[in-house]
C-alpha atoms as a PDB file:
ATOM      1  CA  UNK A   1     -41.672 -90.872 -39.441  1.00  0.00           C
ATOM      2  CA  UNK A   2     -40.833 -92.579 -36.149  1.00  0.00           C
ATOM      3  CA  UNK A   3     -43.092 -93.654 -33.286  1.00  0.00           C
ATOM      4  CA  UNK A   4     -42.071 -92.763 -29.751  1.00  0.00           C
ATOM      5  CA  UNK A   5     -43.343 -94.290 -26.522  1.00  0.00           C
ATOM      6  CA  UNK A   6     -43.513 -92.182 -23.357  1.00  0.00           C
ATOM      7  CA  UNK A   7     -44.098 -93.340 -19.788  1.00  0.00           C
ATOM      8  CA  UNK A   8     -45.896 -90.451 -18.100  1.00  0.00           C
ATOM      9  CA  UNK A   9     -46.260 -89.636 -14.396  1.00  0.00           C
ATOM     10  CA  UNK A  10     -48.614 -86.905 -13.228  1.00  0.00           C
ATOM     11  CA  UNK A  11     -50.406 -85.407 -10.272  1.00  0.00           C
ATOM     12  CA  UNK A  12     -54.016 -85.410 -11.447  1.00  0.00           C
ATOM     13  CA  UNK A  13     -55.264 -82.875  -8.883  1.00  0.00           C
ATOM     14  CA  UNK A  14     -55.523 -79.955 -11.312  1.00  0.00           C
ATOM     15  CA  UNK A  15     -56.615 -81.910 -14.396  1.00  0.00           C
ATOM     16  CA  UNK A  16     -59.945 -83.142 -15.746  1.00  0.00           C
ATOM     17  CA  UNK A  17     -58.420 -86.543 -16.391  1.00  0.00           C
ATOM     18  CA  UNK A  18     -56.267 -87.726 -19.266  1.00  0.00           C
ATOM     19  CA  UNK A  19     -58.503 -87.391 -22.310  1.00  0.00           C
ATOM     20  CA  UNK A  20     -59.217 -84.003 -23.907  1.00  0.00           C
ATOM     21  CA  UNK A  21     -62.471 -82.538 -22.540  1.00  0.00           C
ATOM     22  CA  UNK A  22     -64.454 -79.416 -23.412  1.00  0.00           C
ATOM     23  CA  UNK A  23     -64.877 -78.420 -19.758  1.00  0.00           C
ATOM     24  CA  UNK A  24     -61.291 -78.196 -18.506  1.00  0.00           C
ATOM     25  CA  UNK A  25     -57.596 -78.798 -19.025  1.00  0.00           C
ATOM     26  CA  UNK A  26     -56.359 -82.401 -19.322  1.00  0.00           C
ATOM     27  CA  UNK A  27     -53.010 -84.195 -19.326  1.00  0.00           C
ATOM     28  CA  UNK A  28     -53.395 -85.176 -22.982  1.00  0.00           C
ATOM     29  CA  UNK A  29     -54.032 -81.551 -23.968  1.00  0.00           C
ATOM     30  CA  UNK A  30     -50.925 -80.323 -22.117  1.00  0.00           C
ATOM     31  CA  UNK A  31     -48.727 -82.989 -23.703  1.00  0.00           C
ATOM     32  CA  UNK A  32     -50.045 -82.255 -27.203  1.00  0.00           C
ATOM     33  CA  UNK A  33     -49.448 -78.513 -26.858  1.00  0.00           C
ATOM     34  CA  UNK A  34     -45.984 -78.988 -25.362  1.00  0.00           C
ATOM     35  CA  UNK A  35     -44.874 -81.445 -28.043  1.00  0.00           C
ATOM     36  CA  UNK A  36     -46.218 -79.260 -30.862  1.00  0.00           C
ATOM     37  CA  UNK A  37     -44.462 -76.185 -29.539  1.00  0.00           C
ATOM     38  CA  UNK A  38     -41.178 -77.962 -28.824  1.00  0.00           C
ATOM     39  CA  UNK A  39     -40.969 -80.148 -31.951  1.00  0.00           C
ATOM     40  CA  UNK A  40     -42.728 -77.687 -34.293  1.00  0.00           C
ATOM     41  CA  UNK A  41     -44.875 -80.499 -35.688  1.00  0.00           C
ATOM     42  CA  UNK A  42     -48.590 -81.359 -35.554  1.00  0.00           C
ATOM     43  CA  UNK A  43     -48.549 -83.969 -32.779  1.00  0.00           C
ATOM     44  CA  UNK A  44     -51.475 -86.093 -31.591  1.00  0.00           C
ATOM     45  CA  UNK A  45     -50.570 -88.409 -28.740  1.00  0.00           C
ATOM     46  CA  UNK A  46     -52.401 -91.686 -28.044  1.00  0.00           C
ATOM     47  CA  UNK A  47     -52.724 -92.722 -24.401  1.00  0.00           C
ATOM     48  CA  UNK A  48     -53.009 -96.221 -22.987  1.00  0.00           C
ATOM     49  CA  UNK A  49     -55.324 -95.390 -20.088  1.00  0.00           C
ATOM     50  CA  UNK A  50     -57.926 -92.610 -19.971  1.00  0.00           C
ATOM     51  CA  UNK A  51     -57.683 -91.851 -16.261  1.00  0.00           C
ATOM     52  CA  UNK A  52     -60.509 -89.845 -14.702  1.00  0.00           C
ATOM     53  CA  UNK A  53     -60.495 -86.351 -13.263  1.00  0.00           C
ATOM     54  CA  UNK A  54     -58.280 -86.188 -10.169  1.00  0.00           C
ATOM     55  CA  UNK A  55     -56.632 -89.584 -10.700  1.00  0.00           C
ATOM     56  CA  UNK A  56     -52.836 -89.729 -10.504  1.00  0.00           C
ATOM     57  CA  UNK A  57     -50.262 -91.777 -12.410  1.00  0.00           C
ATOM     58  CA  UNK A  58     -46.809 -93.201 -11.874  1.00  0.00           C
ATOM     59  CA  UNK A  59     -46.721 -94.843 -15.282  1.00  0.00           C
ATOM     60  CA  UNK A  60     -49.329 -94.126 -17.935  1.00  0.00           C
ATOM     61  CA  UNK A  61     -48.140 -94.844 -21.478  1.00  0.00           C
ATOM     62  CA  UNK A  62     -48.524 -92.676 -24.578  1.00  0.00           C
ATOM     63  CA  UNK A  63     -47.186 -92.743 -28.129  1.00  0.00           C
ATOM     64  CA  UNK A  64     -46.785 -90.157 -30.861  1.00  0.00           C
ATOM     65  CA  UNK A  65     -45.256 -89.967 -34.338  1.00  0.00           C
ATOM     66  CA  UNK A  66     -42.546 -87.448 -35.192  1.00  0.00           C
ATOM     67  CA  UNK A  67     -39.687 -86.639 -37.570  1.00  0.00           C
ATOM     68  CA  UNK A  68     -37.481 -85.436 -34.717  1.00  0.00           C
ATOM     69  CA  UNK A  69     -33.816 -86.442 -34.681  1.00  0.00           C
ATOM     70  CA  UNK A  70     -33.545 -86.228 -30.894  1.00  0.00           C
ATOM     71  CA  UNK A  71     -32.303 -89.618 -29.606  1.00  0.00           C
ATOM     72  CA  UNK A  72     -35.370 -91.471 -28.281  1.00  0.00           C
ATOM     73  CA  UNK A  73     -33.909 -92.146 -24.837  1.00  0.00           C
ATOM     74  CA  UNK A  74     -33.007 -88.440 -24.439  1.00  0.00           C
ATOM     75  CA  UNK A  75     -36.442 -87.150 -25.385  1.00  0.00           C
ATOM     76  CA  UNK A  76     -37.714 -87.311 -21.802  1.00  0.00           C
ATOM     77  CA  UNK A  77     -34.890 -85.025 -20.628  1.00  0.00           C
ATOM     78  CA  UNK A  78     -35.608 -82.565 -23.433  1.00  0.00           C
ATOM     79  CA  UNK A  79     -39.349 -82.464 -22.790  1.00  0.00           C
ATOM     80  CA  UNK A  80     -39.527 -82.319 -18.981  1.00  0.00           C
ATOM     81  CA  UNK A  81     -38.298 -78.697 -18.638  1.00  0.00           C
ATOM     82  CA  UNK A  82     -41.075 -77.692 -21.066  1.00  0.00           C
ATOM     83  CA  UNK A  83     -43.823 -79.294 -18.973  1.00  0.00           C
ATOM     84  CA  UNK A  84     -45.571 -78.068 -15.812  1.00  0.00           C
ATOM     85  CA  UNK A  85     -44.155 -79.499 -12.599  1.00  0.00           C
ATOM     86  CA  UNK A  86     -47.125 -81.839 -12.099  1.00  0.00           C
ATOM     87  CA  UNK A  87     -46.414 -83.786 -15.330  1.00  0.00           C
ATOM     88  CA  UNK A  88     -43.184 -85.649 -16.012  1.00  0.00           C
ATOM     89  CA  UNK A  89     -41.958 -88.047 -18.698  1.00  0.00           C
ATOM     90  CA  UNK A  90     -40.375 -90.921 -16.761  1.00  0.00           C
ATOM     91  CA  UNK A  91     -38.847 -92.596 -19.821  1.00  0.00           C
ATOM     92  CA  UNK A  92     -38.895 -92.407 -23.621  1.00  0.00           C
ATOM     93  CA  UNK A  93     -38.012 -94.863 -26.380  1.00  0.00           C
ATOM     94  CA  UNK A  94     -38.670 -95.628 -30.029  1.00  0.00           C
ATOM     95  CA  UNK A  95     -41.169 -98.409 -30.792  1.00  0.00           C
ATOM     96  CA  UNK A  96     -42.375-100.078 -34.010  1.00  0.00           C
ATOM     97  CA  UNK A  97     -44.723 -97.988 -36.129  1.00  0.00           C
ATOM     98  CA  UNK A  98     -47.659-100.344 -35.535  1.00  0.00           C
ATOM     99  CA  UNK A  99     -47.340-100.293 -31.721  1.00  0.00           C
ATOM    100  CA  UNK A 100     -50.618 -99.081 -30.186  1.00  0.00           C
ATOM    101  CA  UNK A 101     -50.737 -98.583 -26.397  1.00  0.00           C
ATOM    102  CA  UNK A 102     -54.415 -99.545 -26.064  1.00  0.00           C
ATOM    103  CA  UNK A 103     -54.684-102.477 -28.453  1.00  0.00           C
ATOM    104  CA  UNK A 104     -51.720-104.544 -27.267  1.00  0.00           C
ATOM    105  CA  UNK A 105     -52.108-107.195 -24.546  1.00  0.00           C
ATOM    106  CA  UNK A 106     -51.391-105.480 -21.251  1.00  0.00           C
ATOM    107  CA  UNK A 107     -51.479-105.963 -17.521  1.00  0.00           C
ATOM    108  CA  UNK A 108     -52.324-102.829 -15.532  1.00  0.00           C
ATOM    109  CA  UNK A 109     -51.709-102.197 -11.854  1.00  0.00           C
ATOM    110  CA  UNK A 110     -53.662 -99.592  -9.912  1.00  0.00           C
ATOM    111  CA  UNK A 111     -53.196 -98.551  -6.303  1.00  0.00           C
ATOM    112  CA  UNK A 112     -55.760 -96.980  -4.008  1.00  0.00           C
ATOM    113  CA  UNK A 113     -54.232 -95.041  -1.100  1.00  0.00           C
ATOM    114  CA  UNK A 114     -56.008 -94.566   2.232  1.00  0.00           C
ATOM    115  CA  UNK A 115     -54.944 -92.561   5.261  1.00  0.00           C
ATOM    116  CA  UNK A 116     -56.246 -94.518   8.239  1.00  0.00           C
ATOM    117  CA  UNK A 117     -56.199 -92.302  11.338  1.00  0.00           C
ATOM    118  CA  UNK A 118     -58.217 -89.778  13.295  1.00  0.00           C
ATOM    119  CA  UNK A 119     -56.193 -86.687  12.343  1.00  0.00           C
ATOM    120  CA  UNK A 120     -56.038 -85.727   8.628  1.00  0.00           C
ATOM    121  CA  UNK A 121     -52.396 -85.249   7.632  1.00  0.00           C
ATOM    122  CA  UNK A 122     -51.772 -82.230   5.363  1.00  0.00           C
ATOM    123  CA  UNK A 123     -49.328 -84.149   3.178  1.00  0.00           C
ATOM    124  CA  UNK A 124     -51.970 -86.823   2.460  1.00  0.00           C
ATOM    125  CA  UNK A 125     -54.956 -84.583   1.740  1.00  0.00           C
ATOM    126  CA  UNK A 126     -54.534 -84.576  -2.069  1.00  0.00           C
ATOM    127  CA  UNK A 127     -53.340 -88.154  -2.486  1.00  0.00           C
ATOM    128  CA  UNK A 128     -55.355 -90.417  -0.194  1.00  0.00           C
ATOM    129  CA  UNK A 129     -58.856 -91.047   1.142  1.00  0.00           C
ATOM    130  CA  UNK A 130     -59.251 -90.469   4.890  1.00  0.00           C
ATOM    131  CA  UNK A 131     -60.833 -93.265   6.965  1.00  0.00           C
ATOM    132  CA  UNK A 132     -60.867 -92.328  10.636  1.00  0.00           C
ATOM    133  CA  UNK A 133     -61.935 -95.675  12.151  1.00  0.00           C
ATOM    134  CA  UNK A 134     -59.409 -98.554  12.372  1.00  0.00           C
ATOM    135  CA  UNK A 135     -59.268-100.900   9.379  1.00  0.00           C
ATOM    136  CA  UNK A 136     -58.771-104.650   9.725  1.00  0.00           C
ATOM    137  CA  UNK A 137     -56.111-105.259   7.074  1.00  0.00           C
ATOM    138  CA  UNK A 138     -56.212-109.044   7.392  1.00  0.00           C
ATOM    139  CA  UNK A 139     -59.974-109.092   6.756  1.00  0.00           C
ATOM    140  CA  UNK A 140     -59.565-106.820   3.728  1.00  0.00           C
ATOM    141  CA  UNK A 141     -56.870-109.073   2.284  1.00  0.00           C
ATOM    142  CA  UNK A 142     -59.019-112.160   2.854  1.00  0.00           C
ATOM    143  CA  UNK A 143     -62.013-110.514   1.185  1.00  0.00           C
ATOM    144  CA  UNK A 144     -59.967-109.341  -1.784  1.00  0.00           C
ATOM    145  CA  UNK A 145     -59.089-112.903  -2.816  1.00  0.00           C
ATOM    146  CA  UNK A 146     -62.706-113.601  -3.780  1.00  0.00           C
ATOM    147  CA  UNK A 147     -62.217-111.091  -6.611  1.00  0.00           C
ATOM    148  CA  UNK A 148     -59.085-112.674  -8.096  1.00  0.00           C
ATOM    149  CA  UNK A 149     -59.726-114.527 -11.351  1.00  0.00           C
ATOM    150  CA  UNK A 150     -62.057-114.080 -14.309  1.00  0.00           C
ATOM    151  CA  UNK A 151     -65.510-112.942 -13.162  1.00  0.00           C
ATOM    152  CA  UNK A 152     -68.472-110.806 -14.127  1.00  0.00           C
ATOM    153  CA  UNK A 153     -67.668-107.561 -12.287  1.00  0.00           C
ATOM    154  CA  UNK A 154     -71.031-105.890 -12.931  1.00  0.00           C
ATOM    155  CA  UNK A 155     -71.386-105.203  -9.191  1.00  0.00           C
ATOM    156  CA  UNK A 156     -68.084-103.300  -9.311  1.00  0.00           C
ATOM    157  CA  UNK A 157     -68.612-100.882 -12.195  1.00  0.00           C
ATOM    158  CA  UNK A 158     -70.581 -97.688 -12.688  1.00  0.00           C
ATOM    159  CA  UNK A 159     -74.270 -98.464 -13.283  1.00  0.00           C
ATOM    160  CA  UNK A 160     -74.289 -96.602 -16.617  1.00  0.00           C
ATOM    161  CA  UNK A 161     -71.291 -98.397 -18.085  1.00  0.00           C
ATOM    162  CA  UNK A 162     -71.122 -98.621 -21.875  1.00  0.00           C
ATOM    163  CA  UNK A 163     -68.861-101.688 -21.863  1.00  0.00           C
ATOM    164  CA  UNK A 164     -70.008-104.508 -24.129  1.00  0.00           C
ATOM    165  CA  UNK A 165     -69.177-107.039 -21.414  1.00  0.00           C
ATOM    166  CA  UNK A 166     -68.548-106.680 -17.688  1.00  0.00           C
ATOM    167  CA  UNK A 167     -66.387-109.817 -17.515  1.00  0.00           C
ATOM    168  CA  UNK A 168     -62.815-108.992 -16.539  1.00  0.00           C
ATOM    169  CA  UNK A 169     -59.739-110.844 -15.251  1.00  0.00           C
ATOM    170  CA  UNK A 170     -58.057-109.708 -12.038  1.00  0.00           C
ATOM    171  CA  UNK A 171     -54.682-111.415 -11.635  1.00  0.00           C
ATOM    172  CA  UNK A 172     -53.912-110.220  -8.118  1.00  0.00           C
ATOM    173  CA  UNK A 173     -54.959-107.981  -5.221  1.00  0.00           C
ATOM    174  CA  UNK A 174     -52.789-106.993  -2.273  1.00  0.00           C
ATOM    175  CA  UNK A 175     -53.683-104.954   0.800  1.00  0.00           C
ATOM    176  CA  UNK A 176     -50.819-103.591   2.880  1.00  0.00           C
ATOM    177  CA  UNK A 177     -50.295-100.990   5.591  1.00  0.00           C
ATOM    178  CA  UNK A 178     -47.349 -98.759   6.516  1.00  0.00           C
ATOM    179  CA  UNK A 179     -46.936 -96.336   9.452  1.00  0.00           C
ATOM    180  CA  UNK A 180     -47.470 -92.663   8.615  1.00  0.00           C
ATOM    181  CA  UNK A 181     -47.361 -90.873  11.966  1.00  0.00           C
ATOM    182  CA  UNK A 182     -46.968 -91.718  15.652  1.00  0.00           C
ATOM    183  CA  UNK A 183     -48.218 -90.196  18.873  1.00  0.00           C
ATOM    184  CA  UNK A 184     -51.548 -90.318  20.696  1.00  0.00           C
ATOM    185  CA  UNK A 185     -53.442 -90.552  17.401  1.00  0.00           C
ATOM    186  CA  UNK A 186     -51.218 -92.540  15.016  1.00  0.00           C
ATOM    187  CA  UNK A 187     -51.952 -92.916  11.305  1.00  0.00           C
ATOM    188  CA  UNK A 188     -51.068 -95.552   8.755  1.00  0.00           C
ATOM    189  CA  UNK A 189     -51.108 -95.636   4.958  1.00  0.00           C
ATOM    190  CA  UNK A 190     -53.235 -98.481   3.623  1.00  0.00           C
ATOM    191  CA  UNK A 191     -52.634 -99.413  -0.027  1.00  0.00           C
ATOM    192  CA  UNK A 192     -54.989-101.585  -2.067  1.00  0.00           C
ATOM    193  CA  UNK A 193     -53.059-102.801  -5.132  1.00  0.00           C
ATOM    194  CA  UNK A 194     -55.101-104.353  -7.956  1.00  0.00           C
ATOM    195  CA  UNK A 195     -53.572-105.924 -11.076  1.00  0.00           C
ATOM    196  CA  UNK A 196     -55.603-107.075 -14.056  1.00  0.00           C
ATOM    197  CA  UNK A 197     -55.857-107.400 -17.806  1.00  0.00           C
ATOM    198  CA  UNK A 198     -58.507-104.690 -18.042  1.00  0.00           C
ATOM    199  CA  UNK A 199     -60.813-102.643 -15.846  1.00  0.00           C
ATOM    200  CA  UNK A 200     -64.361-101.298 -15.993  1.00  0.00           C
ATOM    201  CA  UNK A 201     -65.291 -97.681 -15.312  1.00  0.00           C
ATOM    202  CA  UNK A 202     -64.741 -96.949 -11.573  1.00  0.00           C
ATOM    203  CA  UNK A 203     -63.982-100.641 -10.930  1.00  0.00           C
ATOM    204  CA  UNK A 204     -60.930-100.144  -8.703  1.00  0.00           C
ATOM    205  CA  UNK A 205     -62.599 -97.336  -6.748  1.00  0.00           C
ATOM    206  CA  UNK A 206     -65.674 -99.504  -6.084  1.00  0.00           C
ATOM    207  CA  UNK A 207     -63.533-102.507  -5.129  1.00  0.00           C
ATOM    208  CA  UNK A 208     -61.672-100.221  -2.712  1.00  0.00           C
ATOM    209  CA  UNK A 209     -64.899 -98.845  -1.247  1.00  0.00           C
ATOM    210  CA  UNK A 210     -66.155-102.401  -0.719  1.00  0.00           C
ATOM    211  CA  UNK A 211     -62.924-103.564   0.937  1.00  0.00           C
ATOM    212  CA  UNK A 212     -63.044-100.535   3.235  1.00  0.00           C
ATOM    213  CA  UNK A 213     -66.476-101.706   4.436  1.00  0.00           C
ATOM    214  CA  UNK A 214     -64.963-105.125   5.156  1.00  0.00           C
ATOM    215  CA  UNK A 215     -62.100-103.461   7.020  1.00  0.00           C
ATOM    216  CA  UNK A 216     -64.602-101.507   9.125  1.00  0.00           C
ATOM    217  CA  UNK A 217     -66.538-104.670   9.975  1.00  0.00           C
ATOM    218  CA  UNK A 218     -69.664-103.723   8.003  1.00  0.00           C
ATOM    219  CA  UNK A 219     -69.281-106.883   5.865  1.00  0.00           C
ATOM    220  CA  UNK A 220     -67.560-110.164   6.741  1.00  0.00           C
ATOM    221  CA  UNK A 221     -64.865-111.066   4.177  1.00  0.00           C
ATOM    222  CA  UNK A 222     -66.943-113.850   2.597  1.00  0.00           C
ATOM    223  CA  UNK A 223     -69.759-111.394   1.807  1.00  0.00           C
ATOM    224  CA  UNK A 224     -67.646-110.047  -1.078  1.00  0.00           C
ATOM    225  CA  UNK A 225     -68.298-113.334  -2.922  1.00  0.00           C
ATOM    226  CA  UNK A 226     -72.062-112.718  -2.623  1.00  0.00           C
ATOM    227  CA  UNK A 227     -71.633-109.143  -3.900  1.00  0.00           C
ATOM    228  CA  UNK A 228     -69.681-110.408  -6.892  1.00  0.00           C
ATOM    229  CA  UNK A 229     -72.273-113.077  -7.725  1.00  0.00           C
ATOM    230  CA  UNK A 230     -75.183-110.627  -7.378  1.00  0.00           C
ATOM    231  CA  UNK A 231     -74.082-108.641 -10.488  1.00  0.00           C
ATOM    232  CA  UNK A 232     -75.820-105.646  -8.918  1.00  0.00           C
ATOM    233  CA  UNK A 233     -74.002-102.338  -8.376  1.00  0.00           C
ATOM    234  CA  UNK A 234     -76.211-101.454  -5.397  1.00  0.00           C
ATOM    235  CA  UNK A 235     -74.816-104.409  -3.431  1.00  0.00           C
ATOM    236  CA  UNK A 236     -71.208-103.154  -3.402  1.00  0.00           C
ATOM    237  CA  UNK A 237     -69.559-100.345  -1.445  1.00  0.00           C
ATOM    238  CA  UNK A 238     -69.281 -96.685  -2.393  1.00  0.00           C
ATOM    239  CA  UNK A 239     -67.177 -95.289  -5.200  1.00  0.00           C
ATOM    240  CA  UNK A 240     -64.358 -93.771  -3.147  1.00  0.00           C
ATOM    241  CA  UNK A 241     -62.854 -90.396  -4.195  1.00  0.00           C
ATOM    242  CA  UNK A 242     -60.593 -90.203  -7.250  1.00  0.00           C
ATOM    243  CA  UNK A 243     -57.750 -88.480  -5.377  1.00  0.00           C
ATOM    244  CA  UNK A 244     -56.647 -91.765  -3.769  1.00  0.00           C
ATOM    245  CA  UNK A 245     -56.277 -93.627  -7.079  1.00  0.00           C
ATOM    246  CA  UNK A 246     -52.936 -94.082  -8.843  1.00  0.00           C
ATOM    247  CA  UNK A 247     -52.184 -95.848 -12.108  1.00  0.00           C
ATOM    248  CA  UNK A 248     -49.040 -97.618 -10.924  1.00  0.00           C
ATOM    249  CA  UNK A 249     -47.810 -99.247 -14.145  1.00  0.00           C
ATOM    250  CA  UNK A 250     -48.754-100.798 -17.474  1.00  0.00           C
ATOM    251  CA  UNK A 251     -46.907-103.919 -18.569  1.00  0.00           C
ATOM    252  CA  UNK A 252     -46.972-105.060 -22.214  1.00  0.00           C
ATOM    253  CA  UNK A 253     -47.176-108.832 -22.457  1.00  0.00           C
END
């Protein structure tokens, strides 16, 4: 029996997240069914990150055990034609039998994508959150630096979290903007990129909602420090929609 590691990209629009759910189809369910049918084995994949309904991925990680003789690096090419177009295996390799994608030391990077402009662009409607008023990128970047480091992020997680501790380490946050369209009503793509050793439920979406308020001038940048220290979810910004969130990559340390 060999253990295979897959790096998985997917458009989460039509899925109820990664993890198998009773109320709808998930990425994990599709991968299990595809692998079982293709390899003719009872396969149960293990994912590194249980992304929520509507969240996208460039690089989630999953492992499974199999007796297949297909060369590990060729497995992605064999599997992709069997999968729906909104799920793709980016790479495949063999890993040690005790490798577990969730229990190893990792650094995860998430991106939150915003379309900043008055006219909603059709190509952005499924993959970004629309903010029609101008965002101050410099203020957002300044505010984000108060969140870098090891802190209690209770203000930035869902109120009903089941986590044993709300202390997490954020190793970096970047806020950048790129032109999307020109004309009388131009648009830009704003990306909030957050890297850390672990995240709480809805943490990146709440951080993004809070930084948007800074960008709109609702909060000065230094107010984010007060929100963090309050350890009170009601003090932070809204939980922005899932469609703008991407799991960018998972690095194993």
